[in-house]
Amino acid sequence: MRVQLGSAAVVALAMALAGCGERTTSTAQASGGEAAGQAIAAVGCPMQPKPDCVTIAAGGKTYDITGTGVDTSRGVGVSLTGQAKGEVGACGPKLANVKVDYLELQCGAPAAPAAG
């Protein structure tokens, strides 16, 4: 029980800090509303909605983290920070300069990617 409460506290703290990033302005803007260079923070379970796509949801948006090397088979949540590239690919708005930390937050078993 103590470990679960500690993990929940870590996740809550990370979510609270996620809104504290410094935002920069740019004329390039992705369709998701992120200006290139805007700080993005997300905490949660990475998903694989279709083959060759790994995503994470934050603030009601889904971000493409395919190129970050996140291992969805570990079945744990991640905390990541990065910057919006200002472009949208097939998997969602792309991020640059992404730093990923694995959490002790257990996620459901990874779903098989949708055929397509």
N, C-alpha and C. Protein backbone atom coordinates (compact mmCIF):
# COMPACT_ATOMS: atom_id res chain seq x y z
N MET A 1 0.82 -1.18 0.00
CA MET A 1 0.00 0.00 0.00
C MET A 1 0.86 1.25 0.00
N ARG A 2 1.94 1.24 0.79
CA ARG A 2 2.81 2.40 0.88
C ARG A 2 3.45 2.73 -0.47
N VAL A 3 3.88 1.69 -1.22
CA VAL A 3 4.49 1.91 -2.54
C VAL A 3 3.48 2.50 -3.50
N GLN A 4 2.24 2.03 -3.48
CA GLN A 4 1.22 2.55 -4.36
C GLN A 4 0.94 4.02 -4.05
N LEU A 5 0.86 4.38 -2.78
CA LEU A 5 0.61 5.77 -2.42
C LEU A 5 1.80 6.64 -2.80
N GLY A 6 3.01 6.13 -2.64
CA GLY A 6 4.20 6.88 -3.04
C GLY A 6 4.22 7.12 -4.54
N SER A 7 3.87 6.10 -5.31
CA SER A 7 3.81 6.25 -6.77
C SER A 7 2.76 7.27 -7.16
N ALA A 8 1.61 7.23 -6.48
CA ALA A 8 0.55 8.19 -6.78
C ALA A 8 1.01 9.61 -6.47
N ALA A 9 1.76 9.77 -5.40
CA ALA A 9 2.27 11.10 -5.04
C ALA A 9 3.26 11.60 -6.09
N VAL A 10 4.11 10.72 -6.59
CA VAL A 10 5.07 11.10 -7.63
C VAL A 10 4.33 11.54 -8.89
N VAL A 11 3.32 10.78 -9.28
CA VAL A 11 2.56 11.13 -10.47
C VAL A 11 1.83 12.46 -10.27
N ALA A 12 1.22 12.65 -9.11
CA ALA A 12 0.51 13.90 -8.84
C ALA A 12 1.47 15.09 -8.89
N LEU A 13 2.65 14.93 -8.31
CA LEU A 13 3.64 16.01 -8.34
C LEU A 13 4.08 16.31 -9.76
N ALA A 14 4.34 15.27 -10.54
CA ALA A 14 4.77 15.47 -11.93
C ALA A 14 3.68 16.18 -12.73
N MET A 15 2.42 15.82 -12.49
CA MET A 15 1.32 16.46 -13.21
C MET A 15 1.19 17.93 -12.81
N ALA A 16 1.41 18.21 -11.53
CA ALA A 16 1.33 19.59 -11.06
C ALA A 16 2.45 20.43 -11.67
N LEU A 17 3.63 19.85 -11.79
CA LEU A 17 4.76 20.59 -12.35
C LEU A 17 4.67 20.72 -13.86
N ALA A 18 3.91 19.86 -14.51
CA ALA A 18 3.83 19.87 -15.97
C ALA A 18 3.36 21.22 -16.51
N GLY A 19 2.53 21.92 -15.78
CA GLY A 19 2.02 23.20 -16.24
C GLY A 19 2.97 24.36 -15.99
N CYS A 20 4.13 24.09 -15.40
CA CYS A 20 5.04 25.17 -15.02
C CYS A 20 6.13 25.43 -16.04
N GLY A 21 6.09 24.78 -17.20
CA GLY A 21 7.14 24.97 -18.20
C GLY A 21 7.08 26.34 -18.82
N GLU A 22 8.24 26.85 -19.20
CA GLU A 22 8.31 28.14 -19.86
C GLU A 22 7.91 27.96 -21.31
N ARG A 23 7.09 28.83 -21.81
CA ARG A 23 6.63 28.71 -23.19
C ARG A 23 7.27 29.80 -24.03
N THR A 24 7.65 29.41 -25.24
CA THR A 24 8.22 30.38 -26.16
C THR A 24 7.25 30.56 -27.32
N THR A 25 7.42 31.62 -28.06
CA THR A 25 6.53 31.87 -29.18
C THR A 25 7.27 31.65 -30.49
N SER A 26 6.51 31.31 -31.50
CA SER A 26 7.05 31.06 -32.81
C SER A 26 5.93 31.23 -33.81
N THR A 27 6.28 31.51 -35.05
CA THR A 27 5.25 31.64 -36.07
C THR A 27 4.79 30.28 -36.57
N ALA A 28 5.63 29.24 -36.42
CA ALA A 28 5.22 27.90 -36.83
C ALA A 28 4.36 27.30 -35.74
N GLN A 29 3.20 26.77 -36.13
CA GLN A 29 2.30 26.21 -35.14
C GLN A 29 1.67 24.94 -35.69
N ALA A 30 1.66 23.89 -34.89
CA ALA A 30 1.05 22.63 -35.29
C ALA A 30 -0.46 22.75 -35.20
N SER A 31 -1.17 21.85 -35.87
CA SER A 31 -2.63 21.90 -35.83
C SER A 31 -3.17 21.67 -34.42
N GLY A 32 -2.36 21.08 -33.54
CA GLY A 32 -2.77 20.88 -32.16
C GLY A 32 -2.67 22.15 -31.34
N GLY A 33 -2.13 23.23 -31.90
CA GLY A 33 -2.03 24.50 -31.21
C GLY A 33 -0.69 24.77 -30.59
N GLU A 34 0.27 23.86 -30.75
CA GLU A 34 1.59 24.04 -30.15
C GLU A 34 2.51 24.81 -31.09
N ALA A 35 3.08 25.88 -30.59
CA ALA A 35 4.07 26.61 -31.36
C ALA A 35 5.39 25.86 -31.29
N ALA A 36 6.17 25.92 -32.37
CA ALA A 36 7.48 25.26 -32.36
C ALA A 36 8.28 25.79 -31.19
N GLY A 37 8.87 24.87 -30.42
CA GLY A 37 9.67 25.25 -29.27
C GLY A 37 8.89 25.31 -27.97
N GLN A 38 7.56 25.21 -28.02
CA GLN A 38 6.75 25.25 -26.79
C GLN A 38 7.07 24.04 -25.93
N ALA A 39 7.27 24.27 -24.63
CA ALA A 39 7.57 23.18 -23.70
C ALA A 39 6.34 22.30 -23.52
N ILE A 40 6.56 20.99 -23.59
CA ILE A 40 5.50 19.99 -23.41
C ILE A 40 5.94 19.04 -22.32
N ALA A 41 5.06 18.74 -21.39
CA ALA A 41 5.32 17.75 -20.35
C ALA A 41 4.13 16.81 -20.31
N ALA A 42 4.41 15.53 -20.15
CA ALA A 42 3.34 14.53 -20.09
C ALA A 42 3.71 13.44 -19.12
N VAL A 43 2.72 12.94 -18.41
CA VAL A 43 2.89 11.81 -17.49
C VAL A 43 1.74 10.87 -17.76
N GLY A 44 2.05 9.62 -18.04
CA GLY A 44 0.99 8.65 -18.29
C GLY A 44 1.51 7.39 -18.93
N CYS A 45 0.57 6.63 -19.47
CA CYS A 45 0.90 5.36 -20.11
C CYS A 45 1.04 5.55 -21.61
N PRO A 46 2.20 5.19 -22.17
CA PRO A 46 2.35 5.29 -23.62
C PRO A 46 1.45 4.27 -24.30
N MET A 47 0.92 4.63 -25.45
CA MET A 47 0.01 3.76 -26.19
C MET A 47 0.57 3.50 -27.58
N GLN A 48 0.15 2.41 -28.17
CA GLN A 48 0.51 2.10 -29.55
C GLN A 48 -0.80 1.92 -30.33
N PRO A 49 -1.39 3.04 -30.80
CA PRO A 49 -2.70 2.97 -31.44
C PRO A 49 -2.71 2.28 -32.80
N LYS A 50 -1.57 2.27 -33.47
CA LYS A 50 -1.44 1.58 -34.76
C LYS A 50 0.03 1.23 -34.96
N PRO A 51 0.32 0.32 -35.87
CA PRO A 51 1.73 -0.06 -36.08
C PRO A 51 2.59 1.18 -36.36
N ASP A 52 3.80 1.15 -35.86
CA ASP A 52 4.77 2.24 -36.07
C ASP A 52 4.34 3.57 -35.47
N CYS A 53 3.46 3.56 -34.47
CA CYS A 53 3.06 4.77 -33.75
C CYS A 53 3.09 4.50 -32.26
N VAL A 54 3.77 5.37 -31.52
CA VAL A 54 3.72 5.34 -30.05
C VAL A 54 3.32 6.76 -29.64
N THR A 55 2.30 6.85 -28.81
CA THR A 55 1.77 8.16 -28.43
C THR A 55 1.58 8.25 -26.92
N ILE A 56 1.42 9.48 -26.45
CA ILE A 56 1.06 9.73 -25.05
C ILE A 56 0.10 10.91 -25.05
N ALA A 57 -0.86 10.86 -24.14
CA ALA A 57 -1.85 11.93 -24.03
C ALA A 57 -1.48 12.87 -22.89
N ALA A 58 -1.68 14.15 -23.12
CA ALA A 58 -1.45 15.17 -22.09
C ALA A 58 -2.29 16.39 -22.42
N GLY A 59 -2.99 16.89 -21.43
CA GLY A 59 -3.77 18.10 -21.63
C GLY A 59 -4.82 17.98 -22.72
N GLY A 60 -5.39 16.80 -22.87
CA GLY A 60 -6.42 16.60 -23.88
C GLY A 60 -5.89 16.42 -25.30
N LYS A 61 -4.57 16.35 -25.46
CA LYS A 61 -3.96 16.17 -26.78
C LYS A 61 -3.12 14.90 -26.77
N THR A 62 -2.92 14.34 -27.94
CA THR A 62 -2.10 13.14 -28.07
C THR A 62 -0.86 13.49 -28.85
N TYR A 63 0.31 13.17 -28.32
CA TYR A 63 1.58 13.52 -28.92
C TYR A 63 2.29 12.29 -29.47
N ASP A 64 3.00 12.47 -30.57
CA ASP A 64 3.79 11.42 -31.20
C ASP A 64 5.14 11.29 -30.49
N ILE A 65 5.37 10.13 -29.85
CA ILE A 65 6.66 9.88 -29.19
C ILE A 65 7.34 8.66 -29.80
N THR A 66 7.00 8.37 -31.05
CA THR A 66 7.51 7.19 -31.73
C THR A 66 9.03 7.15 -31.75
N GLY A 67 9.68 8.22 -32.06
CA GLY A 67 11.13 8.24 -32.21
C GLY A 67 11.91 8.36 -30.91
N THR A 68 11.23 8.30 -29.77
CA THR A 68 11.91 8.49 -28.49
C THR A 68 12.46 7.20 -27.90
N GLY A 69 12.07 6.07 -28.45
CA GLY A 69 12.55 4.78 -27.94
C GLY A 69 11.80 4.29 -26.73
N VAL A 70 10.63 4.84 -26.42
CA VAL A 70 9.84 4.38 -25.28
C VAL A 70 9.44 2.93 -25.53
N ASP A 71 9.67 2.10 -24.52
CA ASP A 71 9.37 0.66 -24.61
C ASP A 71 8.00 0.40 -23.99
N THR A 72 6.98 0.25 -24.84
CA THR A 72 5.62 0.03 -24.35
C THR A 72 5.46 -1.36 -23.73
N SER A 73 6.34 -2.29 -24.05
CA SER A 73 6.22 -3.65 -23.50
C SER A 73 6.55 -3.70 -22.00
N ARG A 74 7.16 -2.66 -21.46
CA ARG A 74 7.47 -2.63 -20.02
C ARG A 74 6.21 -2.51 -19.17
N GLY A 75 5.15 -1.99 -19.76
CA GLY A 75 3.88 -1.89 -19.04
C GLY A 75 3.86 -0.88 -17.92
N VAL A 76 4.74 0.12 -17.96
CA VAL A 76 4.77 1.15 -16.93
C VAL A 76 4.60 2.53 -17.56
N GLY A 77 4.19 3.47 -16.72
CA GLY A 77 4.01 4.83 -17.17
C GLY A 77 5.34 5.54 -17.37
N VAL A 78 5.27 6.66 -18.06
CA VAL A 78 6.46 7.47 -18.28
C VAL A 78 6.16 8.92 -17.94
N SER A 79 7.21 9.62 -17.62
CA SER A 79 7.16 11.07 -17.46
C SER A 79 8.10 11.61 -18.53
N LEU A 80 7.60 12.51 -19.35
CA LEU A 80 8.49 13.04 -20.39
C LEU A 80 8.35 14.54 -20.52
N THR A 81 9.42 15.14 -20.96
CA THR A 81 9.43 16.56 -21.28
C THR A 81 10.06 16.71 -22.65
N GLY A 82 9.66 17.71 -23.36
CA GLY A 82 10.21 17.97 -24.69
C GLY A 82 9.69 19.29 -25.21
N GLN A 83 9.91 19.50 -26.49
CA GLN A 83 9.46 20.73 -27.13
C GLN A 83 8.68 20.36 -28.38
N ALA A 84 7.62 21.12 -28.64
CA ALA A 84 6.84 20.91 -29.86
C ALA A 84 7.71 21.27 -31.07
N LYS A 85 7.66 20.40 -32.09
CA LYS A 85 8.40 20.68 -33.33
C LYS A 85 7.65 21.68 -34.20
N GLY A 86 6.35 21.84 -33.95
CA GLY A 86 5.55 22.73 -34.79
C GLY A 86 5.06 22.03 -36.04
N GLU A 87 5.09 20.70 -36.05
CA GLU A 87 4.60 19.93 -37.19
C GLU A 87 3.83 18.71 -36.70
N VAL A 88 2.93 18.24 -37.54
CA VAL A 88 2.09 17.11 -37.19
C VAL A 88 2.34 15.99 -38.19
N GLY A 89 2.59 14.78 -37.68
CA GLY A 89 2.77 13.61 -38.52
C GLY A 89 1.57 12.69 -38.43
N ALA A 90 1.69 11.51 -38.97
CA ALA A 90 0.60 10.53 -38.97
C ALA A 90 0.19 10.10 -37.57
N CYS A 91 1.11 10.24 -36.59
CA CYS A 91 0.82 9.80 -35.22
C CYS A 91 0.45 10.95 -34.30
N GLY A 92 0.45 12.18 -34.80
CA GLY A 92 0.09 13.34 -33.98
C GLY A 92 1.18 14.39 -34.01
N PRO A 93 1.04 15.45 -33.19
CA PRO A 93 2.07 16.49 -33.12
C PRO A 93 3.40 15.90 -32.67
N LYS A 94 4.47 16.26 -33.36
CA LYS A 94 5.79 15.71 -33.07
C LYS A 94 6.50 16.55 -32.01
N LEU A 95 7.36 15.84 -31.24
CA LEU A 95 8.14 16.49 -30.19
C LEU A 95 9.63 16.35 -30.49
N ALA A 96 10.41 17.29 -29.98
CA ALA A 96 11.88 17.27 -30.12
C ALA A 96 12.50 17.37 -28.74
N ASN A 97 13.76 17.00 -28.65
CA ASN A 97 14.52 17.11 -27.39
C ASN A 97 13.77 16.45 -26.22
N VAL A 98 13.28 15.24 -26.45
CA VAL A 98 12.46 14.55 -25.47
C VAL A 98 13.34 13.82 -24.45
N LYS A 99 13.02 14.01 -23.18
CA LYS A 99 13.67 13.30 -22.08
C LYS A 99 12.59 12.42 -21.45
N VAL A 100 12.86 11.11 -21.35
CA VAL A 100 11.88 10.15 -20.84
C VAL A 100 12.39 9.52 -19.56
N ASP A 101 11.53 9.44 -18.56
CA ASP A 101 11.81 8.73 -17.32
C ASP A 101 10.69 7.71 -17.10
N TYR A 102 11.08 6.46 -16.82
CA TYR A 102 10.09 5.42 -16.53
C TYR A 102 9.66 5.55 -15.08
N LEU A 103 8.37 5.35 -14.82
CA LEU A 103 7.80 5.45 -13.49
C LEU A 103 7.44 4.06 -12.98
N GLU A 104 7.09 3.98 -11.72
CA GLU A 104 6.63 2.71 -11.15
C GLU A 104 5.12 2.58 -11.27
N LEU A 105 4.52 3.42 -12.06
CA LEU A 105 3.08 3.41 -12.32
C LEU A 105 2.78 2.27 -13.30
N GLN A 106 2.02 1.28 -12.85
CA GLN A 106 1.69 0.15 -13.70
C GLN A 106 0.56 0.53 -14.65
N CYS A 107 0.77 0.25 -15.92
CA CYS A 107 -0.25 0.47 -16.94
C CYS A 107 -0.88 -0.87 -17.28
N GLY A 108 -2.00 -0.85 -17.94
CA GLY A 108 -2.61 -2.08 -18.40
C GLY A 108 -1.68 -2.77 -19.38
N ALA A 109 -1.94 -4.02 -19.65
CA ALA A 109 -1.13 -4.75 -20.62
C ALA A 109 -1.16 -4.01 -21.94
N PRO A 110 -0.03 -3.90 -22.63
CA PRO A 110 -0.02 -3.17 -23.89
C PRO A 110 -0.99 -3.82 -24.88
N ALA A 111 -1.81 -3.01 -25.46
CA ALA A 111 -2.76 -3.51 -26.46
C ALA A 111 -2.02 -3.77 -27.76
N ALA A 112 -2.46 -4.78 -28.47
CA ALA A 112 -1.88 -5.05 -29.79
C ALA A 112 -2.23 -3.89 -30.71
N PRO A 113 -1.28 -3.46 -31.55
CA PRO A 113 -1.56 -2.35 -32.45
C PRO A 113 -2.72 -2.69 -33.37
N ALA A 114 -3.53 -1.71 -33.67
CA ALA A 114 -4.65 -1.90 -34.59
C ALA A 114 -4.10 -2.22 -35.98
N ALA A 115 -4.75 -3.11 -36.65
CA ALA A 115 -4.32 -3.47 -38.02
C ALA A 115 -4.63 -2.30 -38.93
N GLY A 116 -3.72 -2.04 -39.80
CA GLY A 116 -4.06 -0.94 -40.70
C GLY A 116 -2.91 -0.44 -41.36
